């Protein structure tokens, strides 16, 4: 148990990309989702940025959608090609669409998606009936192999086991 809310991993990690894990829509799930992303992106140049982004996207799913009212959200991590990593959070749906506001550092709220937009290469959302998926991508320069050089390979992502045991928490 973490804090006042039990953390429940509602599904196993998929063994193929993108890697995904489903969480209860409670604040205690946010650090678990952040840990999941951090473990998968070990060695990735954009690891810290995407960990911060997934924290924001999960918190938004809990605060602004049905995920935070007894629902769930799913976090996905993918590296579609060299030099790009992507995180996505699929929620249970809500009344409004995600919009990046003005990045006002003095505001107490409402600047999360502006931060995501400012520190990633691109972000967006798509409908995932009945919910919505909000995603963010980060990119970094990669070596372009020449015909005489070895092919550059990206490090393999590792799938971390669920924290706190192998089965669902009560």
C-alpha atoms as a PDB file:
ATOM      1  CA  UNK A   1       0.000   0.000   0.000  1.00  0.00           C
ATOM      2  CA  UNK A   2       1.293   3.432  -0.912  1.00  0.00           C
ATOM      3  CA  UNK A   3      -0.105   6.371   1.010  1.00  0.00           C
ATOM      4  CA  UNK A   4      -3.844   6.158   1.537  1.00  0.00           C
ATOM      5  CA  UNK A   5      -4.541   4.432  -1.777  1.00  0.00           C
ATOM      6  CA  UNK A   6      -3.718   0.860  -2.744  1.00  0.00           C
ATOM      7  CA  UNK A   7      -1.810   0.533  -6.016  1.00  0.00           C
ATOM      8  CA  UNK A   8      -3.247  -2.114  -8.276  1.00  0.00           C
ATOM      9  CA  UNK A   9      -1.569  -3.230 -11.461  1.00  0.00           C
ATOM     10  CA  UNK A  10      -4.630  -4.217 -13.452  1.00  0.00           C
ATOM     11  CA  UNK A  11      -2.822  -5.888 -16.284  1.00  0.00           C
ATOM     12  CA  UNK A  12       0.474  -7.477 -17.127  1.00  0.00           C
ATOM     13  CA  UNK A  13       3.110  -5.679 -19.120  1.00  0.00           C
ATOM     14  CA  UNK A  14       2.733  -6.548 -22.791  1.00  0.00           C
ATOM     15  CA  UNK A  15       5.769  -8.464 -24.000  1.00  0.00           C
ATOM     16  CA  UNK A  16       5.900  -6.622 -27.327  1.00  0.00           C
ATOM     17  CA  UNK A  17       6.242  -2.914 -28.009  1.00  0.00           C
ATOM     18  CA  UNK A  18       4.751  -0.633 -27.043  1.00  0.00           C
ATOM     19  CA  UNK A  19       5.060  -1.689 -23.431  1.00  0.00           C
ATOM     20  CA  UNK A  20       1.933  -0.912 -21.434  1.00  0.00           C
ATOM     21  CA  UNK A  21       0.644  -1.112 -17.892  1.00  0.00           C
ATOM     22  CA  UNK A  22      -2.765  -0.196 -16.475  1.00  0.00           C
ATOM     23  CA  UNK A  23      -3.226   1.577 -13.124  1.00  0.00           C
ATOM     24  CA  UNK A  24      -6.069   2.626 -10.870  1.00  0.00           C
ATOM     25  CA  UNK A  25      -7.027   6.271 -11.263  1.00  0.00           C
ATOM     26  CA  UNK A  26      -5.627   7.333  -7.886  1.00  0.00           C
ATOM     27  CA  UNK A  27      -2.791   9.721  -7.009  1.00  0.00           C
ATOM     28  CA  UNK A  28      -0.746   6.809  -5.616  1.00  0.00           C
ATOM     29  CA  UNK A  29      -0.506   5.373  -9.127  1.00  0.00           C
ATOM     30  CA  UNK A  30       1.403   8.371 -10.525  1.00  0.00           C
ATOM     31  CA  UNK A  31       4.790   7.513  -8.973  1.00  0.00           C
ATOM     32  CA  UNK A  32       4.307   3.871  -9.982  1.00  0.00           C
ATOM     33  CA  UNK A  33       3.723   4.925 -13.590  1.00  0.00           C
ATOM     34  CA  UNK A  34       6.738   7.237 -13.421  1.00  0.00           C
ATOM     35  CA  UNK A  35       8.882   4.356 -12.137  1.00  0.00           C
ATOM     36  CA  UNK A  36       7.627   2.093 -14.948  1.00  0.00           C
ATOM     37  CA  UNK A  37       8.652   4.663 -17.576  1.00  0.00           C
ATOM     38  CA  UNK A  38      11.981   5.337 -15.882  1.00  0.00           C
ATOM     39  CA  UNK A  39      12.893   1.654 -15.800  1.00  0.00           C
ATOM     40  CA  UNK A  40      12.007   1.145 -19.447  1.00  0.00           C
ATOM     41  CA  UNK A  41      13.937   4.207 -20.585  1.00  0.00           C
ATOM     42  CA  UNK A  42      17.139   3.517 -18.662  1.00  0.00           C
ATOM     43  CA  UNK A  43      19.955   4.867 -20.827  1.00  0.00           C
ATOM     44  CA  UNK A  44      17.629   6.983 -22.968  1.00  0.00           C
ATOM     45  CA  UNK A  45      18.745  10.635 -23.360  1.00  0.00           C
ATOM     46  CA  UNK A  46      15.125  11.788 -22.888  1.00  0.00           C
ATOM     47  CA  UNK A  47      14.422   9.634 -19.817  1.00  0.00           C
ATOM     48  CA  UNK A  48      14.013  12.431 -17.239  1.00  0.00           C
ATOM     49  CA  UNK A  49      11.925  14.567 -19.581  1.00  0.00           C
ATOM     50  CA  UNK A  50       9.532  11.733 -20.389  1.00  0.00           C
ATOM     51  CA  UNK A  51       9.276  10.714 -16.735  1.00  0.00           C
ATOM     52  CA  UNK A  52       8.165  14.266 -15.888  1.00  0.00           C
ATOM     53  CA  UNK A  53       5.726  14.233 -18.803  1.00  0.00           C
ATOM     54  CA  UNK A  54       4.153  10.929 -17.813  1.00  0.00           C
ATOM     55  CA  UNK A  55       3.671  12.260 -14.278  1.00  0.00           C
ATOM     56  CA  UNK A  56       1.784  15.230 -15.688  1.00  0.00           C
ATOM     57  CA  UNK A  57      -0.291  13.155 -18.111  1.00  0.00           C
ATOM     58  CA  UNK A  58      -1.259  10.674 -15.387  1.00  0.00           C
ATOM     59  CA  UNK A  59      -2.155  13.452 -12.949  1.00  0.00           C
ATOM     60  CA  UNK A  60      -4.323  15.054 -15.646  1.00  0.00           C
ATOM     61  CA  UNK A  61      -6.077  11.743 -16.327  1.00  0.00           C
ATOM     62  CA  UNK A  62      -6.893  11.470 -12.625  1.00  0.00           C
ATOM     63  CA  UNK A  63      -7.947  15.117 -12.202  1.00  0.00           C
ATOM     64  CA  UNK A  64      -9.882  15.727 -15.415  1.00  0.00           C
ATOM     65  CA  UNK A  65     -11.375  12.409 -16.571  1.00  0.00           C
ATOM     66  CA  UNK A  66     -13.453   9.492 -15.360  1.00  0.00           C
ATOM     67  CA  UNK A  67     -10.184   7.697 -14.585  1.00  0.00           C
ATOM     68  CA  UNK A  68     -10.013   9.682 -11.336  1.00  0.00           C
ATOM     69  CA  UNK A  69     -13.568   8.769 -10.355  1.00  0.00           C
ATOM     70  CA  UNK A  70     -13.118   5.040  -9.864  1.00  0.00           C
ATOM     71  CA  UNK A  71     -11.591   4.340 -13.278  1.00  0.00           C
ATOM     72  CA  UNK A  72      -8.204   3.389 -14.625  1.00  0.00           C
ATOM     73  CA  UNK A  73      -5.573   4.717 -16.991  1.00  0.00           C
ATOM     74  CA  UNK A  74      -2.987   2.948 -19.137  1.00  0.00           C
ATOM     75  CA  UNK A  75       0.607   4.072 -19.680  1.00  0.00           C
ATOM     76  CA  UNK A  76       2.442   3.048 -22.848  1.00  0.00           C
ATOM     77  CA  UNK A  77       6.135   3.447 -23.658  1.00  0.00           C
ATOM     78  CA  UNK A  78       7.621   3.000 -27.100  1.00  0.00           C
ATOM     79  CA  UNK A  79      10.795   3.777 -29.027  1.00  0.00           C
ATOM     80  CA  UNK A  80       9.493   3.655 -32.594  1.00  0.00           C
ATOM     81  CA  UNK A  81      12.899   4.332 -34.144  1.00  0.00           C
ATOM     82  CA  UNK A  82      16.395   5.478 -33.257  1.00  0.00           C
ATOM     83  CA  UNK A  83      16.382   8.898 -31.624  1.00  0.00           C
ATOM     84  CA  UNK A  84      12.697   8.933 -30.624  1.00  0.00           C
ATOM     85  CA  UNK A  85      10.920   7.832 -27.448  1.00  0.00           C
ATOM     86  CA  UNK A  86       7.204   8.189 -26.800  1.00  0.00           C
ATOM     87  CA  UNK A  87       4.968   7.962 -23.742  1.00  0.00           C
ATOM     88  CA  UNK A  88       1.183   7.864 -23.882  1.00  0.00           C
ATOM     89  CA  UNK A  89      -1.577   7.835 -21.271  1.00  0.00           C
ATOM     90  CA  UNK A  90      -5.033   6.550 -22.164  1.00  0.00           C
ATOM     91  CA  UNK A  91      -7.787   7.613 -19.773  1.00  0.00           C
ATOM     92  CA  UNK A  92     -11.465   6.781 -19.303  1.00  0.00           C
ATOM     93  CA  UNK A  93     -12.713   9.974 -20.947  1.00  0.00           C
ATOM     94  CA  UNK A  94     -13.801  13.395 -19.809  1.00  0.00           C
ATOM     95  CA  UNK A  95     -15.848  16.401 -20.873  1.00  0.00           C
ATOM     96  CA  UNK A  96     -13.050  18.499 -22.402  1.00  0.00           C
ATOM     97  CA  UNK A  97     -10.119  18.011 -24.739  1.00  0.00           C
ATOM     98  CA  UNK A  98      -6.527  18.531 -23.615  1.00  0.00           C
ATOM     99  CA  UNK A  99      -5.173  22.001 -24.360  1.00  0.00           C
ATOM    100  CA  UNK A 100      -1.826  23.523 -23.498  1.00  0.00           C
ATOM    101  CA  UNK A 101      -2.353  26.804 -21.696  1.00  0.00           C
ATOM    102  CA  UNK A 102       0.088  29.625 -21.222  1.00  0.00           C
ATOM    103  CA  UNK A 103       3.235  28.601 -19.358  1.00  0.00           C
ATOM    104  CA  UNK A 104       2.830  30.870 -16.332  1.00  0.00           C
ATOM    105  CA  UNK A 105       5.426  29.823 -13.764  1.00  0.00           C
ATOM    106  CA  UNK A 106       3.605  31.727 -11.024  1.00  0.00           C
ATOM    107  CA  UNK A 107       0.293  29.915 -11.552  1.00  0.00           C
ATOM    108  CA  UNK A 108      -0.668  27.193  -9.085  1.00  0.00           C
ATOM    109  CA  UNK A 109      -2.184  25.027 -11.784  1.00  0.00           C
ATOM    110  CA  UNK A 110      -3.085  24.817 -15.443  1.00  0.00           C
ATOM    111  CA  UNK A 111       0.433  24.816 -16.818  1.00  0.00           C
ATOM    112  CA  UNK A 112       1.151  21.081 -17.061  1.00  0.00           C
ATOM    113  CA  UNK A 113       0.447  20.575 -20.747  1.00  0.00           C
ATOM    114  CA  UNK A 114       2.323  23.780 -21.535  1.00  0.00           C
ATOM    115  CA  UNK A 115       5.322  22.231 -19.775  1.00  0.00           C
ATOM    116  CA  UNK A 116       4.870  19.004 -21.780  1.00  0.00           C
ATOM    117  CA  UNK A 117       4.689  21.030 -25.009  1.00  0.00           C
ATOM    118  CA  UNK A 118       7.755  23.078 -24.090  1.00  0.00           C
ATOM    119  CA  UNK A 119      10.063  20.191 -23.214  1.00  0.00           C
ATOM    120  CA  UNK A 120       9.127  17.589 -25.849  1.00  0.00           C
ATOM    121  CA  UNK A 121       9.514  17.470 -29.603  1.00  0.00           C
ATOM    122  CA  UNK A 122       5.774  17.080 -30.092  1.00  0.00           C
ATOM    123  CA  UNK A 123       2.644  16.037 -28.237  1.00  0.00           C
ATOM    124  CA  UNK A 124      -0.975  15.450 -29.030  1.00  0.00           C
ATOM    125  CA  UNK A 125      -4.092  13.448 -28.317  1.00  0.00           C
ATOM    126  CA  UNK A 126      -6.472  11.124 -30.086  1.00  0.00           C
ATOM    127  CA  UNK A 127      -9.805   9.603 -29.238  1.00  0.00           C
ATOM    128  CA  UNK A 128      -9.686   6.128 -27.719  1.00  0.00           C
ATOM    129  CA  UNK A 129     -13.373   5.451 -27.197  1.00  0.00           C
ATOM    130  CA  UNK A 130     -14.677   5.922 -24.602  1.00  0.00           C
ATOM    131  CA  UNK A 131     -11.558   7.737 -23.437  1.00  0.00           C
ATOM    132  CA  UNK A 132      -8.680   9.615 -24.922  1.00  0.00           C
ATOM    133  CA  UNK A 133      -4.954   9.034 -25.385  1.00  0.00           C
ATOM    134  CA  UNK A 134      -2.565  11.905 -24.714  1.00  0.00           C
ATOM    135  CA  UNK A 135       1.008  11.353 -25.868  1.00  0.00           C
ATOM    136  CA  UNK A 136       4.380  13.066 -25.913  1.00  0.00           C
ATOM    137  CA  UNK A 137       7.508  12.350 -27.940  1.00  0.00           C
ATOM    138  CA  UNK A 138      11.078  13.367 -27.344  1.00  0.00           C
ATOM    139  CA  UNK A 139      13.847  13.145 -29.905  1.00  0.00           C
ATOM    140  CA  UNK A 140      17.596  13.465 -29.867  1.00  0.00           C
ATOM    141  CA  UNK A 141      20.355  13.339 -32.482  1.00  0.00           C
ATOM    142  CA  UNK A 142      21.586   9.931 -33.553  1.00  0.00           C
ATOM    143  CA  UNK A 143      24.545   8.927 -35.634  1.00  0.00           C
ATOM    144  CA  UNK A 144      23.779   8.227 -39.260  1.00  0.00           C
ATOM    145  CA  UNK A 145      25.740   5.150 -40.296  1.00  0.00           C
ATOM    146  CA  UNK A 146      27.768   5.346 -43.459  1.00  0.00           C
ATOM    147  CA  UNK A 147      28.262   2.309 -45.696  1.00  0.00           C
ATOM    148  CA  UNK A 148      31.749   1.804 -44.210  1.00  0.00           C
ATOM    149  CA  UNK A 149      30.714   2.083 -40.550  1.00  0.00           C
ATOM    150  CA  UNK A 150      28.991  -0.391 -38.271  1.00  0.00           C
ATOM    151  CA  UNK A 151      25.257   0.004 -37.891  1.00  0.00           C
ATOM    152  CA  UNK A 152      24.358   1.938 -34.756  1.00  0.00           C
ATOM    153  CA  UNK A 153      21.851   0.064 -32.613  1.00  0.00           C
ATOM    154  CA  UNK A 154      19.709   1.499 -29.879  1.00  0.00           C
ATOM    155  CA  UNK A 155      19.830  -0.011 -26.412  1.00  0.00           C
ATOM    156  CA  UNK A 156      17.158  -2.592 -25.699  1.00  0.00           C
ATOM    157  CA  UNK A 157      14.354  -1.514 -23.400  1.00  0.00           C
ATOM    158  CA  UNK A 158      13.872  -3.713 -20.385  1.00  0.00           C
ATOM    159  CA  UNK A 159      10.458  -4.495 -19.020  1.00  0.00           C
ATOM    160  CA  UNK A 160      10.479  -4.001 -15.241  1.00  0.00           C
ATOM    161  CA  UNK A 161       8.433  -6.292 -13.016  1.00  0.00           C
ATOM    162  CA  UNK A 162       5.575  -4.660 -11.097  1.00  0.00           C
ATOM    163  CA  UNK A 163       6.740  -3.010  -7.892  1.00  0.00           C
ATOM    164  CA  UNK A 164       5.480  -4.298  -4.578  1.00  0.00           C
ATOM    165  CA  UNK A 165       4.975  -7.944  -5.521  1.00  0.00           C
ATOM    166  CA  UNK A 166       3.932 -10.005  -8.458  1.00  0.00           C
ATOM    167  CA  UNK A 167       0.157  -9.930  -8.047  1.00  0.00           C
ATOM    168  CA  UNK A 168      -2.533  -7.299  -7.629  1.00  0.00           C
ATOM    169  CA  UNK A 169      -2.420  -5.309  -4.417  1.00  0.00           C
ATOM    170  CA  UNK A 170      -5.477  -5.292  -2.241  1.00  0.00           C
END
